[in-house]
Amino acid sequence: MKHTCYVIFEVPSDGTLSRRRHPRLTKTFATEAAAEDFARTKFNDGLIVTAGTITPHLPRVSIPSVEIPAWLQSRGQVDPDQ
């Protein structure tokens, strides 16, 4: 299965280490809908999320963390408590 979208999300701190760096993980998806569902879950958990399309998939899209709420609302609802 060819993946066309990615979601990068902040790894929650477990509190055992005091580091300035915020580690992140990337997960890839075959469809934008699957990426949105995953991003919505992480966003609603209070994590910093970014997303986009994987090259060479066109159109190229990069969604910074400040635009994630609007991207998620394009298909469904974001948790109103956020």
C-alpha atoms as a PDB file:
ATOM      1  CA  MET A   1       0.000   0.000   0.000  1.00  0.00           C
ATOM      2  CA  LYS A   2       1.421   3.367  -1.031  1.00  0.00           C
ATOM      3  CA  HIS A   3       1.323   6.031   1.664  1.00  0.00           C
ATOM      4  CA  THR A   4       0.549   9.578   0.591  1.00  0.00           C
ATOM      5  CA  CYS A   5       0.091  11.487   3.873  1.00  0.00           C
ATOM      6  CA  TYR A   6       2.021  11.881   7.097  1.00  0.00           C
ATOM      7  CA  VAL A   7       1.306  13.101  10.618  1.00  0.00           C
ATOM      8  CA  ILE A   8       4.068  14.222  12.969  1.00  0.00           C
ATOM      9  CA  PHE A   9       3.139  14.341  16.628  1.00  0.00           C
ATOM     10  CA  GLU A  10       4.828  15.276  19.865  1.00  0.00           C
ATOM     11  CA  VAL A  11       5.708  12.354  22.114  1.00  0.00           C
ATOM     12  CA  PRO A  12       4.225  12.973  25.558  1.00  0.00           C
ATOM     13  CA  SER A  13       6.774  13.360  28.316  1.00  0.00           C
ATOM     14  CA  ASP A  14       6.770  10.582  30.879  1.00  0.00           C
ATOM     15  CA  GLY A  15       8.292  12.945  33.449  1.00  0.00           C
ATOM     16  CA  THR A  16      11.445  10.891  34.078  1.00  0.00           C
ATOM     17  CA  LEU A  17      13.819  13.050  32.056  1.00  0.00           C
ATOM     18  CA  SER A  18      14.157  16.808  32.045  1.00  0.00           C
ATOM     19  CA  ARG A  19      15.148  17.613  28.480  1.00  0.00           C
ATOM     20  CA  ARG A  20      14.560  20.789  26.518  1.00  0.00           C
ATOM     21  CA  ARG A  21      13.979  18.829  23.332  1.00  0.00           C
ATOM     22  CA  HIS A  22      10.459  17.640  22.531  1.00  0.00           C
ATOM     23  CA  PRO A  23      10.765  14.298  20.746  1.00  0.00           C
ATOM     24  CA  ARG A  24       8.395  13.663  17.844  1.00  0.00           C
ATOM     25  CA  LEU A  25       7.254  10.650  15.882  1.00  0.00           C
ATOM     26  CA  THR A  26       5.984  10.392  12.312  1.00  0.00           C
ATOM     27  CA  LYS A  27       3.294   8.045  11.065  1.00  0.00           C
ATOM     28  CA  THR A  28       2.314   7.639   7.404  1.00  0.00           C
ATOM     29  CA  PHE A  29      -1.094   6.881   5.896  1.00  0.00           C
ATOM     30  CA  ALA A  30      -2.538   5.747   2.584  1.00  0.00           C
ATOM     31  CA  THR A  31      -5.353   8.325   2.665  1.00  0.00           C
ATOM     32  CA  GLU A  32      -5.903  11.837   3.920  1.00  0.00           C
ATOM     33  CA  ALA A  33      -8.982  10.655   5.834  1.00  0.00           C
ATOM     34  CA  ALA A  34      -6.919   8.141   7.808  1.00  0.00           C
ATOM     35  CA  ALA A  35      -4.300  10.814   8.525  1.00  0.00           C
ATOM     36  CA  GLU A  36      -7.013  13.226   9.711  1.00  0.00           C
ATOM     37  CA  ASP A  37      -8.532  10.616  12.033  1.00  0.00           C
ATOM     38  CA  PHE A  38      -5.143   9.897  13.598  1.00  0.00           C
ATOM     39  CA  ALA A  39      -4.249  13.615  13.845  1.00  0.00           C
ATOM     40  CA  ARG A  40      -7.621  14.347  15.463  1.00  0.00           C
ATOM     41  CA  THR A  41      -6.940  11.737  18.159  1.00  0.00           C
ATOM     42  CA  LYS A  42      -3.484  13.122  18.932  1.00  0.00           C
ATOM     43  CA  PHE A  43      -4.724  16.736  18.811  1.00  0.00           C
ATOM     44  CA  ASN A  44      -7.597  15.944  21.185  1.00  0.00           C
ATOM     45  CA  ASP A  45      -5.039  14.327  23.522  1.00  0.00           C
ATOM     46  CA  GLY A  46      -3.397  17.760  23.737  1.00  0.00           C
ATOM     47  CA  LEU A  47      -0.328  16.985  21.633  1.00  0.00           C
ATOM     48  CA  ILE A  48       1.307  19.255  19.064  1.00  0.00           C
ATOM     49  CA  VAL A  49       0.514  17.887  15.590  1.00  0.00           C
ATOM     50  CA  THR A  50       1.642  18.746  12.042  1.00  0.00           C
ATOM     51  CA  ALA A  51       0.717  16.961   8.804  1.00  0.00           C
ATOM     52  CA  GLY A  52       1.174  16.939   5.064  1.00  0.00           C
ATOM     53  CA  THR A  53       1.606  14.934   1.888  1.00  0.00           C
ATOM     54  CA  ILE A  54       4.599  12.753   1.073  1.00  0.00           C
ATOM     55  CA  THR A  55       6.667  13.659  -1.995  1.00  0.00           C
ATOM     56  CA  PRO A  56       6.008  12.956  -4.916  1.00  0.00           C
ATOM     57  CA  HIS A  57       2.258  13.034  -4.123  1.00  0.00           C
ATOM     58  CA  LEU A  58       0.609  16.128  -5.603  1.00  0.00           C
ATOM     59  CA  PRO A  59      -0.612  18.592  -4.612  1.00  0.00           C
ATOM     60  CA  ARG A  60       2.072  19.065  -1.999  1.00  0.00           C
ATOM     61  CA  VAL A  61       0.512  20.081   1.264  1.00  0.00           C
ATOM     62  CA  SER A  62       2.151  21.043   4.551  1.00  0.00           C
ATOM     63  CA  ILE A  63      -0.098  21.772   7.513  1.00  0.00           C
ATOM     64  CA  PRO A  64       1.648  23.508  10.423  1.00  0.00           C
ATOM     65  CA  SER A  65       0.417  22.963  13.965  1.00  0.00           C
ATOM     66  CA  VAL A  66      -1.410  26.317  14.071  1.00  0.00           C
ATOM     67  CA  GLU A  67      -3.561  25.258  11.069  1.00  0.00           C
ATOM     68  CA  ILE A  68      -4.399  21.750  12.317  1.00  0.00           C
ATOM     69  CA  PRO A  69      -7.748  22.780  13.932  1.00  0.00           C
ATOM     70  CA  ALA A  70      -9.007  24.252  10.623  1.00  0.00           C
ATOM     71  CA  TRP A  71      -7.786  21.190   8.673  1.00  0.00           C
ATOM     72  CA  LEU A  72      -9.586  18.853  11.065  1.00  0.00           C
ATOM     73  CA  GLN A  73     -12.808  20.880  10.838  1.00  0.00           C
ATOM     74  CA  SER A  74     -12.812  20.504   7.053  1.00  0.00           C
ATOM     75  CA  ARG A  75     -14.160  16.937   7.480  1.00  0.00           C
ATOM     76  CA  GLY A  76     -15.361  16.640  11.031  1.00  0.00           C
ATOM     77  CA  GLN A  77     -15.445  18.261  14.399  1.00  0.00           C
ATOM     78  CA  VAL A  78     -12.550  19.101  16.678  1.00  0.00           C
ATOM     79  CA  ASP A  79     -13.050  18.546  20.382  1.00  0.00           C
ATOM     80  CA  PRO A  80     -14.798  21.763  21.549  1.00  0.00           C
ATOM     81  CA  ASP A  81     -12.733  21.786  24.754  1.00  0.00           C
ATOM     82  CA  GLN A  82      -9.558  22.458  22.787  1.00  0.00           C
END
